[in-house]
Amino acid sequence: MKIMEIEEKTIDDAIEKACREFNVPREKLKIEIISEGSSGFLGLVGSKKACIKASIMSIDAELDTSFEKSDSRSVLQYAPTVEDESDETVTMRAKSVLEGILARMNLDFPVTAEETPEAITLNIKGTGNGLLIGKKGQTLDAIQYIVNRASSRYGRGGKRIIIDTEEYRKRKEESLIALAEKLGQKVKKTNKSVTLSNLNAHDRRIIHLTLQADRSLTTRSRGEGTYRKIIILPSKSA
């Protein structure tokens, strides 16, 4: 397994570079922080760069290999053509894929499914210890990525598959909304822009939607790749 040691001014910058080097989104990387870095005296003398070790998450590689080599006992036992699929079939297959992943992780947690016109949500009944969530949702995001990837091979009607446990997604959304409102007030008070980095497309959308009704503020995305930066700035019209 390839492991890279990366130094940058900040941890966020180092993680962004790791995403570019491996050409994968943040949720597929295993990150180990070696040094958080320091600015030194007056920001000049004794400054130290942040340093991380980055590698592809082994769970993704192992499960992806098992999907490629799946046999009749695989979690992908049933693979109808896209034309034959009903919404119920898509949901049940995604649920089967997730249950197969949990079995490979030796986790005996029940899974329930909920469907809306826009998405399929699979909820894992966890133990309350955050085992399936991981640091900043890293483990849960990795599992969600794999389920979406496996399901997309046979079509899923354009619906996004969301994996949740212990209401983590709901709590994270509420946290992002509160953060957006707090930073929006800061921008209006100081009349200076604020930048947030290392947000995936879904999280950036929450920030955009939270502030879009405030005509005194504007939000923009900047950068390339999956983890672009979002900027909150005073509206020109205001």
Protein backbone atom coordinates (compact mmCIF):
# COMPACT_ATOMS: atom_id res chain seq x y z
CA MET A 1 0.00 0.00 0.00
CA LYS A 2 1.43 3.34 -1.08
CA ILE A 3 2.06 5.76 1.80
CA MET A 4 3.03 9.38 1.26
CA GLU A 5 4.45 11.81 3.78
CA ILE A 6 3.38 15.35 2.92
CA GLU A 7 4.47 18.70 4.37
CA GLU A 8 2.56 21.95 3.89
CA LYS A 9 1.90 25.17 5.80
CA THR A 10 -1.28 23.78 7.37
CA ILE A 11 -2.98 20.40 7.88
CA ASP A 12 -5.75 21.43 5.47
CA ASP A 13 -3.20 22.27 2.76
CA ALA A 14 -1.44 18.94 3.29
CA ILE A 15 -4.73 17.00 3.01
CA GLU A 16 -5.67 18.87 -0.16
CA LYS A 17 -2.29 17.98 -1.67
CA ALA A 18 -2.79 14.33 -0.68
CA CYS A 19 -6.16 14.30 -2.47
CA ARG A 20 -4.46 15.63 -5.60
CA GLU A 21 -1.54 13.20 -5.38
CA PHE A 22 -3.77 10.14 -4.98
CA ASN A 23 -6.50 11.62 -7.21
CA VAL A 24 -9.24 10.57 -4.80
CA PRO A 25 -11.71 12.44 -2.53
CA ARG A 26 -10.93 13.00 1.15
CA GLU A 27 -13.19 10.19 2.38
CA LYS A 28 -11.06 7.58 0.58
CA LEU A 29 -7.84 8.60 2.35
CA LYS A 30 -6.42 7.44 5.64
CA ILE A 31 -4.74 10.44 7.24
CA GLU A 32 -2.24 10.33 10.11
CA ILE A 33 -1.18 13.69 11.51
CA ILE A 34 2.53 13.70 12.35
CA SER A 35 2.89 17.40 13.13
CA GLU A 36 0.34 20.22 13.19
CA GLY A 37 3.02 22.80 12.48
CA SER A 38 3.59 26.20 14.06
CA SER A 39 4.03 29.75 12.84
CA GLY A 40 7.04 30.47 15.04
CA PHE A 41 7.98 33.75 16.71
CA LEU A 42 6.22 36.65 14.96
CA GLY A 43 5.33 34.19 12.21
CA LEU A 44 8.93 34.08 11.00
CA VAL A 45 11.53 32.50 13.26
CA GLY A 46 11.17 28.83 14.18
CA SER A 47 8.16 28.19 11.95
CA LYS A 48 7.40 24.52 11.37
CA LYS A 49 5.37 22.96 8.56
CA ALA A 50 2.43 20.66 9.19
CA CYS A 51 3.16 17.05 8.25
CA ILE A 52 0.83 14.12 7.53
CA LYS A 53 1.03 10.53 6.32
CA ALA A 54 -1.58 9.66 3.70
CA SER A 55 -2.66 6.39 2.09
CA ILE A 56 -5.74 4.91 0.43
CA MET A 57 -8.10 3.44 3.00
CA SER A 58 -7.55 -0.31 3.07
CA ILE A 59 -11.25 -1.02 3.58
CA ASP A 60 -11.99 0.49 0.17
CA ALA A 61 -9.27 -1.47 -1.61
CA GLU A 62 -10.21 -4.78 -0.01
CA LEU A 63 -13.92 -4.43 -0.64
CA ASP A 64 -13.43 -3.19 -4.17
CA THR A 65 -11.32 -6.25 -4.93
CA SER A 66 -13.97 -8.53 -3.47
CA PHE A 67 -16.61 -6.89 -5.67
CA GLU A 68 -14.42 -7.41 -8.75
CA LYS A 69 -13.94 -11.09 -7.90
CA SER A 70 -17.45 -11.72 -6.59
CA ASP A 71 -19.00 -15.14 -7.10
CA SER A 72 -22.51 -16.48 -6.56
CA ARG A 73 -22.18 -15.88 -2.82
CA SER A 74 -21.25 -12.20 -3.24
CA VAL A 75 -23.31 -9.30 -1.96
CA LEU A 76 -23.95 -8.54 -5.63
CA GLN A 77 -25.79 -11.82 -6.20
CA TYR A 78 -28.68 -10.15 -7.97
CA ALA A 79 -27.79 -7.85 -10.83
CA PRO A 80 -30.78 -7.24 -13.10
CA THR A 81 -30.55 -5.02 -16.14
CA VAL A 82 -31.26 -1.32 -15.70
CA GLU A 83 -34.46 -1.63 -17.76
CA ASP A 84 -35.89 -4.27 -15.40
CA GLU A 85 -35.21 -2.35 -12.21
CA SER A 86 -37.91 -0.93 -9.99
CA ASP A 87 -37.27 1.51 -7.16
CA GLU A 88 -37.75 -1.34 -4.71
CA THR A 89 -35.11 -3.42 -6.50
CA VAL A 90 -32.57 -0.58 -6.38
CA THR A 91 -33.17 -0.06 -2.67
CA MET A 92 -32.99 -3.74 -1.78
CA ARG A 93 -29.80 -4.27 -3.78
CA ALA A 94 -28.10 -1.27 -2.14
CA LYS A 95 -29.19 -2.64 1.24
CA SER A 96 -27.74 -6.03 0.31
CA VAL A 97 -24.41 -4.45 -0.68
CA LEU A 98 -24.20 -2.58 2.63
CA GLU A 99 -25.06 -5.70 4.65
CA GLY A 100 -22.29 -7.53 2.77
CA ILE A 101 -19.79 -4.80 3.68
CA LEU A 102 -20.77 -4.98 7.35
CA ALA A 103 -20.43 -8.77 7.28
CA ARG A 104 -16.89 -8.43 5.89
CA MET A 105 -16.15 -6.02 8.75
CA ASN A 106 -17.50 -8.64 11.21
CA LEU A 107 -20.24 -6.22 12.31
CA ASP A 108 -23.66 -7.67 12.97
CA PHE A 109 -25.69 -4.44 12.78
CA PRO A 110 -29.21 -4.34 11.29
CA VAL A 111 -29.90 -2.03 8.33
CA THR A 112 -33.17 -0.24 7.54
CA ALA A 113 -34.00 1.49 4.24
CA GLU A 114 -35.94 4.67 3.54
CA GLU A 115 -36.66 6.00 0.07
CA THR A 116 -37.55 9.48 -1.17
CA PRO A 117 -37.88 10.75 -4.77
CA GLU A 118 -34.31 12.12 -4.56
CA ALA A 119 -32.35 9.58 -2.50
CA ILE A 120 -32.16 6.20 -0.82
CA THR A 121 -31.13 6.35 2.84
CA LEU A 122 -29.75 3.23 4.52
CA ASN A 123 -29.55 3.54 8.29
CA ILE A 124 -27.23 1.28 10.29
CA LYS A 125 -28.27 0.52 13.85
CA GLY A 126 -24.95 1.19 15.58
CA THR A 127 -23.69 0.72 19.10
CA GLY A 128 -23.45 4.40 19.97
CA ASN A 129 -19.65 4.38 20.15
CA GLY A 130 -19.04 6.00 16.78
CA LEU A 131 -17.29 2.92 15.38
CA LEU A 132 -18.94 3.26 11.96
CA ILE A 133 -18.57 7.04 11.82
CA GLY A 134 -14.83 7.43 12.27
CA LYS A 135 -12.96 10.71 12.61
CA LYS A 136 -15.02 13.49 11.01
CA GLY A 137 -17.22 10.85 9.38
CA GLN A 138 -14.32 9.36 7.41
CA THR A 139 -15.34 5.71 7.85
CA LEU A 140 -19.02 6.36 7.11
CA ASP A 141 -18.14 8.39 4.00
CA ALA A 142 -15.88 5.58 2.76
CA ILE A 143 -18.65 2.99 3.17
CA GLN A 144 -21.11 5.33 1.40
CA TYR A 145 -18.67 5.76 -1.49
CA ILE A 146 -18.30 2.00 -1.94
CA VAL A 147 -22.07 1.33 -1.82
CA ASN A 148 -22.71 4.06 -4.40
CA ARG A 149 -19.93 2.75 -6.62
CA ALA A 150 -21.11 -0.86 -6.42
CA SER A 151 -24.75 0.09 -7.04
CA SER A 152 -23.94 2.39 -9.96
CA ARG A 153 -22.61 -0.53 -11.98
CA TYR A 154 -26.17 -1.67 -12.57
CA GLY A 155 -27.86 1.73 -12.45
CA ARG A 156 -29.75 3.27 -9.56
CA GLY A 157 -32.22 5.54 -11.33
CA GLY A 158 -30.14 8.65 -10.68
CA LYS A 159 -30.76 8.43 -6.94
CA ARG A 160 -27.98 9.10 -4.47
CA ILE A 161 -27.49 6.46 -1.78
CA ILE A 162 -26.92 7.91 1.68
CA ILE A 163 -25.46 5.80 4.49
CA ASP A 164 -26.21 6.97 8.02
CA THR A 165 -25.87 5.76 11.59
CA GLU A 166 -26.77 7.29 14.94
CA GLU A 167 -28.26 10.30 13.05
CA TYR A 168 -24.75 11.47 12.16
CA ARG A 169 -25.82 13.04 8.85
CA LYS A 170 -28.57 15.03 10.55
CA ARG A 171 -26.24 16.25 13.30
CA LYS A 172 -23.57 17.19 10.76
CA GLU A 173 -26.07 19.13 8.64
CA GLU A 174 -27.28 21.04 11.69
CA SER A 175 -23.65 21.80 12.58
CA LEU A 176 -22.92 23.09 9.06
CA ILE A 177 -26.03 25.28 9.08
CA ALA A 178 -25.00 26.79 12.42
CA LEU A 179 -21.45 27.33 11.12
CA ALA A 180 -22.74 29.02 7.94
CA GLU A 181 -24.96 31.37 9.94
CA LYS A 182 -22.15 32.22 12.36
CA LEU A 183 -19.65 32.94 9.59
CA GLY A 184 -22.27 34.88 7.64
CA GLN A 185 -22.71 37.21 10.62
CA LYS A 186 -18.93 37.58 10.88
CA VAL A 187 -18.65 38.55 7.20
CA LYS A 188 -21.41 41.17 7.57
CA LYS A 189 -19.80 42.57 10.70
CA THR A 190 -16.24 42.78 9.35
CA ASN A 191 -17.11 43.27 5.67
CA LYS A 192 -14.36 40.73 4.89
CA SER A 193 -14.68 37.36 3.16
CA VAL A 194 -14.24 34.01 4.94
CA THR A 195 -12.97 30.81 3.29
CA LEU A 196 -13.86 27.23 4.28
CA SER A 197 -11.78 24.37 2.90
CA ASN A 198 -12.02 20.55 2.76
CA LEU A 199 -15.77 20.42 2.19
CA ASN A 200 -17.26 17.89 -0.19
CA ALA A 201 -19.94 18.84 -2.73
CA HIS A 202 -22.82 17.91 -0.41
CA ASP A 203 -21.46 19.98 2.48
CA ARG A 204 -20.77 22.96 0.21
CA ARG A 205 -24.35 22.79 -1.00
CA ILE A 206 -25.61 23.05 2.59
CA ILE A 207 -23.55 26.22 3.10
CA HIS A 208 -24.84 27.70 -0.18
CA LEU A 209 -28.48 26.90 0.61
CA THR A 210 -28.25 28.25 4.16
CA LEU A 211 -27.03 31.67 3.03
CA GLN A 212 -28.68 32.04 -0.38
CA ALA A 213 -31.67 33.97 0.99
CA ASP A 214 -29.42 36.62 2.61
CA ARG A 215 -28.97 39.29 -0.09
CA SER A 216 -26.12 40.92 1.80
CA LEU A 217 -23.98 37.80 1.32
CA THR A 218 -22.64 35.84 -1.64
CA THR A 219 -21.16 32.32 -1.63
CA ARG A 220 -18.77 30.97 -4.25
CA SER A 221 -16.80 27.78 -4.75
CA ARG A 222 -13.14 27.96 -5.73
CA GLY A 223 -10.51 25.43 -6.71
CA GLU A 224 -10.45 22.09 -8.49
CA GLY A 225 -11.28 18.52 -7.59
CA THR A 226 -13.76 17.00 -5.17
CA TYR A 227 -12.73 19.12 -2.20
CA ARG A 228 -13.08 22.69 -3.40
CA LYS A 229 -13.11 25.71 -1.11
CA ILE A 230 -16.22 27.77 -0.45
CA ILE A 231 -15.98 31.51 0.08
CA ILE A 232 -18.54 33.65 1.94
CA LEU A 233 -18.22 37.30 1.02
CA PRO A 234 -20.21 40.55 1.17
CA SER A 235 -22.61 40.98 -1.73
CA LYS A 236 -21.64 43.71 -4.19
CA SER A 237 -25.21 44.94 -4.34
CA ALA A 238 -25.22 45.30 -0.56
